[in-house]
Amino acid sequence: MKRLLLTMGFAALAGLAFSQNAYDGLRLSQTNPVLGTARYTGMAGAFTALGGNASAIKDNPAALGVYRSKELTFSPSIYINNNGDVKAALDNFAFVLNFGSKKNKHGYITSSFGINYNRLNNYSRYTRQRDERSKVSLTDKFGNAGPDNLHYGYATDVNLLDENGYSIFGTNDVLRKYTLMEKGHVGQWDFAYGLNISNLVYVGAAFGINTIEYKQTAVYDESTLPTEPEDHWYMDNYYDARAHGFNFRVGAIVRPIDEIRIGASFETPTFYDITDYAKLEMGSDGYQPVIDDFGGDFFYEFRTPLKFKTGVGFVIGKKALVDIDYQFENYKKIRMKADDIEIDAVTDVAEDQMNQVHTIKAGAELQVVDGFFLRLGTAFSSSPIETEEAENTINFRIITFPQQSIYVTGGAGYKGEHFYCDLAYAFHNEKSILYPSLPLDISESPKKENLKTRNIIATFGWRF
């Protein structure tokens, strides 16, 4: 079993224990492959070879070459997280201008320029564990970490460790409670251009501007059992990241015969400038809590993996569409820099622990009567992390390991001469491994979760 190489620094390096690590980088890199317009979502985002849809531009900018008219579209949505909390969002907004002569049969046919916004991911999670009985107190781990460890000093200040570094809880069992909350999103604005050549080849390019807003609150609470009166203490971690970045995409769609489309695209890594802030608060009954923000904001550069996408689409008369897509990302290539110096610990963890991720999407659309459509889709993404287990890691902040994801989608739509509207539903089940703290004691085990979330998306569009 490979070991996680995350380490917790001291003094000037303390902030690195709470920010600038490979697992936060992984969280900020991941996107939801089925979010977009309701038509796109209803077919599980399987549009790389079909094009002609505003959200397909984020996968393959050659999608713009398929357009034959101007278009304005927007897609409000409702997002339901794993705890049932409901939030509203805008998943897509697009304005497309179309140019050229539609009467040409060869050479240049038309071209389109699009300004397109897509929400790439939602961060909304609530995980709570109440009254979990444990034979190991986290204060024991503070003491075992030694005097040079950041938490050892804090625990001493609030009387959780005695002068010899032993926990005041002794050998008592403890009741622990912990809560992990996440919120935020990833958004991307695209400025894209697509070209139609002889109705046989469609090419396109796009420049994306990305933004990230992410907040995490991790609350840990522990009390002794069964002593009277009970000893009680808490530790809260807060983490806030804001980022701006950019990427480039190029793509093509080829129509060898009327019934088949083949598409492919390449996306550079997204290059982010990130500002993050971390704060820790630790307190116990009768003692002034310790609060540390590690010197305030940290600034660093972050690079996500590049992406390659390909797909094949089938057009069955004027009645049905089918598309199957494949997407490749290599999370071993995550990189971070601070003051233009690569953070070696992040590189080591990425190369040792991260995975190549393979995503497969399949979607279909059927015109049941003139102007009315039904859609179905499914998608699968493999785990971005090689192992479900971690050992010998000193990190007292909650760590989560995302695993494989499954998406099931469906929808319906109406298309008139100039106006169309669509509705879609997407179900997402992500397996996740949660560590309340590391290292694990022999009597402990991580918490395995199935995070089930849902999206309901409506799209309203006008072609003119």
Protein backbone atom coordinates (compact mmCIF):
# COMPACT_ATOMS: atom_id res chain seq x y z
CA MET A 1 0.00 0.00 0.00
CA LYS A 2 1.32 3.39 -0.93
CA ARG A 3 1.48 6.03 1.75
CA LEU A 4 0.05 9.50 1.50
CA LEU A 5 2.87 11.99 1.47
CA LEU A 6 0.94 14.91 2.94
CA THR A 7 2.79 16.39 5.91
CA MET A 8 1.91 19.03 8.42
CA GLY A 9 4.38 21.87 8.79
CA PHE A 10 5.11 24.14 11.72
CA ALA A 11 5.46 27.92 12.14
CA ALA A 12 5.76 29.53 8.68
CA LEU A 13 4.71 26.25 7.03
CA ALA A 14 1.58 25.89 9.14
CA GLY A 15 -0.73 27.22 6.45
CA LEU A 16 0.31 24.44 4.09
CA ALA A 17 -1.35 21.97 6.41
CA PHE A 18 -4.71 23.55 5.73
CA SER A 19 -4.33 24.76 2.15
CA GLN A 20 -2.16 24.15 -0.88
CA ASN A 21 -2.38 20.36 -0.81
CA ALA A 22 -3.04 17.92 -3.62
CA TYR A 23 -6.44 16.84 -2.32
CA ASP A 24 -7.78 20.37 -2.25
CA GLY A 25 -6.36 20.70 -5.77
CA LEU A 26 -8.26 17.59 -6.81
CA ARG A 27 -11.48 18.97 -5.37
CA LEU A 28 -11.06 22.26 -7.26
CA SER A 29 -10.18 20.44 -10.51
CA GLN A 30 -13.20 18.17 -10.71
CA THR A 31 -16.17 19.07 -12.88
CA ASN A 32 -19.62 17.58 -13.37
CA PRO A 33 -19.69 16.10 -16.91
CA VAL A 34 -23.48 16.31 -17.37
CA LEU A 35 -24.28 19.88 -16.25
CA GLY A 36 -25.44 22.28 -18.95
CA THR A 37 -28.57 23.07 -20.90
CA ALA A 38 -31.56 20.82 -20.24
CA ARG A 39 -31.13 19.08 -23.60
CA TYR A 40 -27.43 18.50 -22.92
CA THR A 41 -28.14 17.20 -19.40
CA GLY A 42 -31.03 15.02 -20.54
CA MET A 43 -28.59 13.19 -22.81
CA ALA A 44 -25.94 13.01 -20.04
CA GLY A 45 -23.74 15.53 -21.84
CA ALA A 46 -23.09 13.18 -24.76
CA PHE A 47 -22.66 15.84 -27.46
CA THR A 48 -19.00 15.79 -28.49
CA ALA A 49 -19.88 14.45 -31.96
CA LEU A 50 -23.26 16.14 -32.41
CA GLY A 51 -22.77 19.84 -31.63
CA GLY A 52 -25.46 22.42 -32.20
CA ASN A 53 -26.00 22.94 -28.47
CA ALA A 54 -24.75 25.78 -26.28
CA SER A 55 -23.29 23.51 -23.58
CA ALA A 56 -21.66 21.24 -26.16
CA ILE A 57 -19.27 24.15 -26.80
CA LYS A 58 -17.52 23.45 -23.48
CA ASP A 59 -16.74 19.92 -24.68
CA ASN A 60 -16.05 20.62 -28.35
CA PRO A 61 -16.03 24.16 -29.79
CA ALA A 62 -16.71 22.67 -33.23
CA ALA A 63 -20.29 22.48 -31.92
CA LEU A 64 -20.61 26.09 -33.10
CA GLY A 65 -19.93 25.07 -36.69
CA VAL A 66 -23.17 23.09 -36.69
CA TYR A 67 -25.29 26.18 -35.98
CA ARG A 68 -27.38 27.60 -38.84
CA SER A 69 -29.00 30.52 -37.02
CA LYS A 70 -28.54 33.01 -34.20
CA GLU A 71 -29.52 31.81 -30.74
CA LEU A 72 -30.17 33.11 -27.25
CA THR A 73 -30.61 30.63 -24.43
CA PHE A 74 -30.56 30.45 -20.65
CA SER A 75 -30.95 27.54 -18.23
CA PRO A 76 -31.97 28.10 -14.59
CA SER A 77 -31.71 25.08 -12.32
CA ILE A 78 -32.46 23.68 -8.90
CA TYR A 79 -29.73 21.74 -7.14
CA ILE A 80 -30.51 19.31 -4.30
CA ASN A 81 -27.50 18.17 -2.27
CA ASN A 82 -26.96 14.93 -0.35
CA ASN A 83 -28.72 16.35 2.72
CA GLY A 84 -31.81 17.51 0.82
CA ASP A 85 -30.82 21.20 0.87
CA VAL A 86 -32.15 23.04 -2.19
CA LYS A 87 -30.28 25.78 -4.04
CA ALA A 88 -30.98 27.69 -7.25
CA ALA A 89 -28.38 28.37 -9.92
CA LEU A 90 -27.87 29.37 -13.54
CA ASP A 91 -26.33 26.40 -15.35
CA ASN A 92 -26.03 27.97 -18.80
CA PHE A 93 -26.34 31.24 -20.66
CA ALA A 94 -25.37 31.63 -24.31
CA PHE A 95 -25.63 34.07 -27.20
CA VAL A 96 -24.63 32.83 -30.65
CA LEU A 97 -24.18 34.92 -33.81
CA ASN A 98 -24.26 33.10 -37.14
CA PHE A 99 -22.63 34.39 -40.33
CA GLY A 100 -22.33 33.35 -43.95
CA SER A 101 -24.33 32.03 -46.86
CA LYS A 102 -26.45 29.00 -46.13
CA LYS A 103 -26.92 28.45 -49.87
CA ASN A 104 -23.35 27.37 -50.55
CA LYS A 105 -22.91 23.64 -51.11
CA HIS A 106 -19.13 23.46 -50.99
CA GLY A 107 -16.31 25.22 -49.17
CA TYR A 108 -17.28 27.81 -46.61
CA ILE A 109 -20.93 27.39 -45.56
CA THR A 110 -21.41 29.31 -42.32
CA SER A 111 -19.55 30.25 -39.17
CA SER A 112 -20.66 31.22 -35.67
CA PHE A 113 -19.29 33.19 -32.76
CA GLY A 114 -20.59 32.39 -29.30
CA ILE A 115 -20.39 33.83 -25.81
CA ASN A 116 -21.29 31.04 -23.46
CA TYR A 117 -21.46 30.54 -19.68
CA ASN A 118 -21.60 27.10 -18.10
CA ARG A 119 -21.62 26.06 -14.47
CA LEU A 120 -19.09 23.22 -14.37
CA ASN A 121 -19.62 22.03 -10.81
CA ASN A 122 -21.60 22.65 -7.64
CA TYR A 123 -20.04 22.32 -4.20
CA SER A 124 -22.82 21.58 -1.77
CA ARG A 125 -22.37 18.87 0.83
CA TYR A 126 -23.43 18.22 4.39
CA THR A 127 -22.05 15.19 6.23
CA ARG A 128 -22.74 14.78 9.94
CA GLN A 129 -21.84 12.03 12.36
CA ARG A 130 -23.35 12.26 15.85
CA ASP A 131 -22.43 10.44 19.07
CA GLU A 132 -19.95 8.04 17.52
CA ARG A 133 -18.26 6.04 20.25
CA SER A 134 -14.49 5.64 19.93
CA LYS A 135 -11.77 4.06 22.01
CA VAL A 136 -9.30 6.67 20.79
CA SER A 137 -9.36 10.38 21.56
CA LEU A 138 -7.96 12.77 19.00
CA THR A 139 -6.05 14.33 21.89
CA ASP A 140 -4.00 11.11 22.11
CA LYS A 141 -2.92 11.68 18.52
CA PHE A 142 -1.97 15.28 19.32
CA GLY A 143 0.30 14.00 22.08
CA ASN A 144 1.81 11.29 19.89
CA ALA A 145 2.62 13.87 17.19
CA GLY A 146 5.14 15.49 19.51
CA PRO A 147 5.98 19.03 20.70
CA ASP A 148 7.00 20.23 17.22
CA ASN A 149 3.49 19.63 15.89
CA LEU A 150 1.16 22.60 15.59
CA HIS A 151 -1.78 20.91 17.32
CA TYR A 152 0.35 19.73 20.24
CA GLY A 153 0.89 23.36 21.25
CA TYR A 154 -2.76 24.30 20.82
CA ALA A 155 -3.93 21.28 22.82
CA THR A 156 -1.54 22.22 25.64
CA ASP A 157 -2.85 25.80 25.66
CA VAL A 158 -6.45 24.65 26.21
CA ASN A 159 -5.47 21.98 28.80
CA LEU A 160 -6.05 18.89 26.66
CA LEU A 161 -2.48 17.64 27.23
CA ASP A 162 -0.56 17.62 30.47
CA GLU A 163 3.07 18.74 30.88
CA ASN A 164 4.29 15.36 29.61
CA GLY A 165 2.13 15.42 26.51
CA TYR A 166 -0.44 12.88 27.76
CA SER A 167 -4.14 13.35 27.12
CA ILE A 168 -6.21 14.42 30.12
CA PHE A 169 -8.86 11.97 28.94
CA GLY A 170 -6.68 9.05 30.02
CA THR A 171 -8.05 5.69 28.89
CA ASN A 172 -11.69 6.73 28.79
CA ASP A 173 -13.77 6.05 25.71
CA VAL A 174 -15.05 9.17 23.99
CA LEU A 175 -18.12 10.29 22.10
CA ARG A 176 -17.24 12.25 19.00
CA LYS A 177 -19.30 14.32 16.63
CA TYR A 178 -18.12 15.81 13.37
CA THR A 179 -19.65 17.77 10.55
CA LEU A 180 -18.32 18.61 7.09
CA MET A 181 -20.00 21.35 5.08
CA GLU A 182 -19.07 22.53 1.59
CA LYS A 183 -20.52 25.18 -0.68
CA GLY A 184 -19.53 27.04 -3.83
CA HIS A 185 -19.24 26.43 -7.55
CA VAL A 186 -17.01 26.41 -10.64
CA GLY A 187 -18.10 28.54 -13.61
CA GLN A 188 -16.67 29.05 -17.08
CA TRP A 189 -17.20 31.77 -19.69
CA ASP A 190 -16.33 30.71 -23.24
CA PHE A 191 -15.55 32.93 -26.21
CA ALA A 192 -15.70 30.55 -29.12
CA TYR A 193 -15.75 30.41 -32.91
CA GLY A 194 -16.86 27.55 -35.15
CA LEU A 195 -16.73 26.98 -38.91
CA ASN A 196 -18.74 24.77 -41.29
CA ILE A 197 -16.83 23.48 -44.33
CA SER A 198 -18.93 21.82 -47.04
CA ASN A 199 -21.30 20.40 -44.42
CA LEU A 200 -18.70 17.67 -43.95
CA VAL A 201 -16.17 19.13 -41.51
CA TYR A 202 -16.83 21.43 -38.58
CA VAL A 203 -13.95 23.00 -36.66
CA GLY A 204 -13.81 25.34 -33.70
CA ALA A 205 -11.71 27.00 -31.03
CA ALA A 206 -12.56 28.50 -27.65
CA PHE A 207 -10.95 30.58 -24.94
CA GLY A 208 -12.34 29.88 -21.47
CA ILE A 209 -12.25 32.09 -18.38
CA ASN A 210 -12.91 30.13 -15.20
CA THR A 211 -13.85 31.13 -11.68
CA ILE A 212 -13.99 29.09 -8.47
CA GLU A 213 -15.67 29.90 -5.18
CA TYR A 214 -15.30 27.26 -2.49
CA LYS A 215 -15.90 27.20 1.26
CA GLN A 216 -15.44 24.31 3.67
CA THR A 217 -16.31 24.13 7.36
CA ALA A 218 -15.19 21.09 9.36
CA VAL A 219 -16.45 20.89 12.95
CA TYR A 220 -15.12 18.29 15.40
CA ASP A 221 -16.53 17.82 18.90
CA GLU A 222 -15.48 15.30 21.55
CA SER A 223 -16.47 14.44 25.11
CA THR A 224 -15.42 11.75 27.58
CA LEU A 225 -17.55 8.75 28.41
CA PRO A 226 -18.70 7.86 31.02
CA THR A 227 -17.04 10.24 33.51
CA GLU A 228 -19.03 12.79 35.50
CA PRO A 229 -18.73 15.65 34.88
CA GLU A 230 -17.70 14.99 31.31
CA ASP A 231 -14.70 16.64 29.73
CA HIS A 232 -15.54 18.37 26.47
CA TRP A 233 -13.54 20.10 23.75
CA TYR A 234 -13.92 21.12 20.10
CA MET A 235 -11.85 21.92 17.01
CA ASP A 236 -13.21 23.85 14.01
CA ASN A 237 -11.42 24.27 10.69
CA TYR A 238 -12.45 26.83 8.07
CA TYR A 239 -11.16 26.90 4.51
CA ASP A 240 -12.04 29.39 1.76
CA ALA A 241 -10.65 29.38 -1.80
CA ARG A 242 -11.27 31.85 -4.63
CA ALA A 243 -9.68 31.44 -8.04
CA HIS A 244 -9.54 32.83 -11.57
CA GLY A 245 -8.09 30.93 -14.49
CA PHE A 246 -8.09 30.32 -18.22
CA ASN A 247 -7.83 27.52 -20.78
CA PHE A 248 -7.94 26.92 -24.54
CA ARG A 249 -9.85 24.32 -26.55
CA VAL A 250 -9.80 23.18 -30.16
CA GLY A 251 -12.03 20.59 -31.74
CA ALA A 252 -13.49 19.10 -34.87
CA ILE A 253 -16.53 17.14 -36.03
CA VAL A 254 -16.49 15.07 -39.22
CA ARG A 255 -19.58 13.79 -41.04
CA PRO A 256 -18.38 10.96 -43.33
CA ILE A 257 -21.98 10.03 -44.17
CA ASP A 258 -25.30 11.59 -43.25
CA GLU A 259 -25.96 9.08 -40.49
CA ILE A 260 -22.64 9.31 -38.62
CA ARG A 261 -20.74 12.08 -36.83
CA ILE A 262 -17.26 11.71 -35.31
CA GLY A 263 -15.96 14.36 -32.93
CA ALA A 264 -12.81 15.07 -30.94
CA SER A 265 -11.43 17.95 -28.89
CA PHE A 266 -8.39 18.87 -26.86
CA GLU A 267 -8.44 21.18 -23.82
CA THR A 268 -5.31 22.61 -22.24
CA PRO A 269 -4.91 22.55 -18.47
CA THR A 270 -6.73 25.35 -16.72
CA PHE A 271 -4.19 27.74 -15.19
CA TYR A 272 -5.52 29.23 -11.97
CA ASP A 273 -4.39 31.97 -9.63
CA ILE A 274 -5.80 30.98 -6.26
CA THR A 275 -6.26 32.94 -3.06
CA ASP A 276 -7.19 30.85 -0.06
CA TYR A 277 -7.71 31.43 3.62
CA ALA A 278 -7.65 28.94 6.48
CA LYS A 279 -8.52 29.32 10.15
CA LEU A 280 -8.43 26.91 13.08
CA GLU A 281 -10.22 27.32 16.41
CA MET A 282 -9.70 24.92 19.34
CA GLY A 283 -11.27 25.21 22.76
CA SER A 284 -12.22 23.27 25.87
CA ASP A 285 -14.47 23.88 28.86
CA GLY A 286 -13.19 26.66 31.08
CA TYR A 287 -10.33 27.77 28.82
CA GLN A 288 -9.94 30.59 26.34
CA PRO A 289 -10.05 29.11 22.81
CA VAL A 290 -7.05 29.30 20.52
CA ILE A 291 -7.71 30.90 17.14
CA ASP A 292 -5.13 30.98 14.34
CA ASP A 293 -5.52 32.14 10.74
CA PHE A 294 -1.90 31.26 9.83
CA GLY A 295 -1.03 34.75 8.67
CA GLY A 296 -4.07 35.44 6.49
CA ASP A 297 -4.47 34.82 2.77
CA PHE A 298 -2.19 32.53 0.76
CA PHE A 299 -1.57 33.14 -2.93
CA TYR A 300 -0.43 30.44 -5.34
CA GLU A 301 -0.75 29.09 -8.87
CA PHE A 302 -2.53 25.90 -9.72
CA ARG A 303 -2.70 23.78 -12.88
CA THR A 304 -5.43 21.22 -13.57
CA PRO A 305 -5.00 18.22 -15.88
CA LEU A 306 -5.51 18.59 -19.63
CA LYS A 307 -8.56 16.91 -21.16
CA PHE A 308 -9.07 14.89 -24.32
CA LYS A 309 -12.58 14.07 -25.53
CA THR A 310 -13.90 12.06 -28.42
CA GLY A 311 -17.27 10.72 -29.46
CA VAL A 312 -19.35 9.15 -32.17
CA GLY A 313 -22.90 10.16 -32.98
CA PHE A 314 -25.65 8.56 -35.02
CA VAL A 315 -28.50 10.36 -36.75
CA ILE A 316 -31.48 8.12 -37.42
CA GLY A 317 -33.57 9.93 -40.00
CA LYS A 318 -35.27 12.92 -38.43
CA LYS A 319 -36.50 10.86 -35.52
CA ALA A 320 -33.58 10.05 -33.23
CA LEU A 321 -30.03 10.88 -32.15
CA VAL A 322 -27.56 8.69 -30.27
CA ASP A 323 -24.11 9.74 -29.02
CA ILE A 324 -21.37 7.96 -27.07
CA ASP A 325 -18.47 10.01 -25.63
CA TYR A 326 -15.18 9.29 -23.92
CA GLN A 327 -13.17 11.77 -21.83
CA PHE A 328 -9.65 11.38 -20.45
CA GLU A 329 -7.99 13.32 -17.60
CA ASN A 330 -4.75 12.52 -15.78
CA TYR A 331 -4.85 13.85 -12.22
CA LYS A 332 -1.24 12.82 -11.70
CA LYS A 333 -0.43 16.06 -13.53
CA ILE A 334 -1.90 18.40 -10.91
CA ARG A 335 0.70 21.03 -10.04
CA MET A 336 0.93 23.97 -7.62
CA LYS A 337 3.43 26.80 -7.34
CA ALA A 338 4.04 29.38 -4.66
CA ASP A 339 6.27 32.34 -5.54
CA ASP A 340 7.06 30.57 -8.85
CA ILE A 341 8.45 27.55 -6.97
CA GLU A 342 6.74 24.21 -7.45
CA ILE A 343 5.32 22.73 -4.25
CA ASP A 344 7.07 19.36 -4.22
CA ALA A 345 4.74 17.78 -1.65
CA VAL A 346 1.77 18.39 -3.97
CA THR A 347 3.64 16.95 -6.97
CA ASP A 348 4.67 13.87 -4.99
CA VAL A 349 1.14 13.16 -3.77
CA ALA A 350 -0.35 13.70 -7.23
CA GLU A 351 2.10 11.38 -8.94
CA ASP A 352 1.93 8.73 -6.21
CA GLN A 353 -1.76 8.74 -5.31
CA MET A 354 -3.80 10.23 -8.15
CA ASN A 355 -5.33 8.34 -11.05
CA GLN A 356 -6.03 8.72 -14.72
CA VAL A 357 -9.79 9.30 -14.90
CA HIS A 358 -11.93 7.84 -17.67
CA THR A 359 -15.43 9.17 -18.26
CA ILE A 360 -17.93 7.52 -20.57
CA LYS A 361 -21.19 9.25 -21.51
CA ALA A 362 -24.07 7.90 -23.58
CA GLY A 363 -27.25 9.73 -24.55
CA ALA A 364 -30.22 9.39 -26.87
CA GLU A 365 -33.00 11.63 -28.12
CA LEU A 366 -36.27 10.53 -29.74
CA GLN A 367 -38.82 12.75 -31.47
CA VAL A 368 -42.11 11.18 -30.42
CA VAL A 369 -44.27 13.58 -32.46
CA ASP A 370 -43.38 16.66 -34.46
CA GLY A 371 -41.67 19.15 -32.17
CA PHE A 372 -41.73 16.99 -29.01
CA PHE A 373 -38.71 15.04 -27.77
CA LEU A 374 -37.78 12.55 -25.06
CA ARG A 375 -34.18 12.06 -23.85
CA LEU A 376 -32.23 9.58 -21.74
CA GLY A 377 -28.58 9.36 -20.73
CA THR A 378 -26.04 7.85 -18.40
CA ALA A 379 -22.42 8.57 -17.52
CA PHE A 380 -19.66 6.97 -15.47
CA SER A 381 -16.40 8.44 -14.15
CA SER A 382 -13.67 6.30 -12.63
CA SER A 383 -12.00 7.18 -9.32
CA PRO A 384 -9.40 9.99 -9.39
CA ILE A 385 -7.55 8.38 -6.44
CA GLU A 386 -5.75 5.05 -6.59
CA THR A 387 -6.45 3.82 -3.05
CA GLU A 388 -9.29 3.90 -0.55
CA GLU A 389 -6.90 3.81 2.38
CA ALA A 390 -4.40 6.18 3.98
CA GLU A 391 -1.86 5.60 6.68
CA ASN A 392 0.93 7.33 8.59
CA THR A 393 -0.34 10.77 7.67
CA ILE A 394 -0.41 13.53 10.27
CA ASN A 395 -3.35 15.69 9.26
CA PHE A 396 -6.02 16.55 11.81
CA ARG A 397 -8.36 18.21 9.34
CA ILE A 398 -11.14 16.14 7.74
CA ILE A 399 -9.97 14.62 4.44
CA THR A 400 -12.30 13.20 1.79
CA PHE A 401 -11.32 10.87 -1.04
CA PRO A 402 -13.75 11.04 -3.97
CA GLN A 403 -14.25 7.71 -5.72
CA GLN A 404 -16.21 6.69 -8.82
CA SER A 405 -19.33 8.53 -9.96
CA ILE A 406 -22.47 7.39 -11.77
CA TYR A 407 -24.98 9.71 -13.46
CA VAL A 408 -28.48 8.88 -14.70
CA THR A 409 -30.39 11.54 -16.63
CA GLY A 410 -33.58 12.09 -18.55
CA GLY A 411 -35.64 14.88 -20.03
CA ALA A 412 -38.17 16.17 -22.50
CA GLY A 413 -38.43 19.14 -24.81
CA TYR A 414 -40.43 21.15 -27.30
CA LYS A 415 -39.00 22.89 -30.37
CA GLY A 416 -41.01 25.35 -32.44
CA GLU A 417 -40.00 27.46 -35.41
CA HIS A 418 -38.22 30.06 -33.27
CA PHE A 419 -38.77 29.12 -29.61
CA TYR A 420 -37.80 25.97 -27.73
CA CYS A 421 -37.93 24.83 -24.12
CA ASP A 422 -36.56 21.76 -22.39
CA LEU A 423 -36.64 20.15 -18.97
CA ALA A 424 -34.13 17.66 -17.56
CA TYR A 425 -33.43 15.71 -14.39
CA ALA A 426 -29.99 14.42 -13.39
CA PHE A 427 -29.17 12.01 -10.56
CA HIS A 428 -25.56 11.74 -9.37
CA ASN A 429 -24.21 9.09 -7.01
CA GLU A 430 -20.59 9.65 -5.94
CA LYS A 431 -18.79 7.21 -3.69
CA SER A 432 -16.59 8.95 -1.14
CA ILE A 433 -14.21 7.99 1.68
CA LEU A 434 -14.15 10.36 4.68
CA TYR A 435 -11.41 10.45 7.32
CA PRO A 436 -12.38 12.48 10.42
CA SER A 437 -8.64 12.70 11.13
CA LEU A 438 -5.40 10.94 10.31
CA PRO A 439 -3.47 8.87 11.25
CA LEU A 440 -6.00 6.11 11.96
CA ASP A 441 -5.76 3.99 15.06
CA ILE A 442 -6.04 0.22 14.67
CA SER A 443 -9.58 0.33 16.10
CA GLU A 444 -10.76 2.98 13.66
CA SER A 445 -11.99 2.83 10.08
CA PRO A 446 -12.89 5.55 7.54
CA LYS A 447 -16.48 6.44 6.76
CA LYS A 448 -17.73 5.27 3.35
CA GLU A 449 -20.45 7.39 1.81
CA ASN A 450 -22.71 7.46 -1.22
CA LEU A 451 -23.31 11.15 -1.90
CA LYS A 452 -26.56 11.36 -3.83
CA THR A 453 -27.37 14.70 -5.46
CA ARG A 454 -29.95 15.85 -7.99
CA ASN A 455 -30.35 18.60 -10.56
CA ILE A 456 -33.53 19.85 -12.21
CA ILE A 457 -32.79 22.09 -15.18
CA ALA A 458 -35.05 24.10 -17.48
CA THR A 459 -33.87 25.74 -20.70
CA PHE A 460 -35.56 28.50 -22.68
CA GLY A 461 -34.16 29.41 -26.08
CA TRP A 462 -34.85 31.51 -29.14
CA ARG A 463 -33.46 31.02 -32.65
CA PHE A 464 -33.67 33.87 -35.14
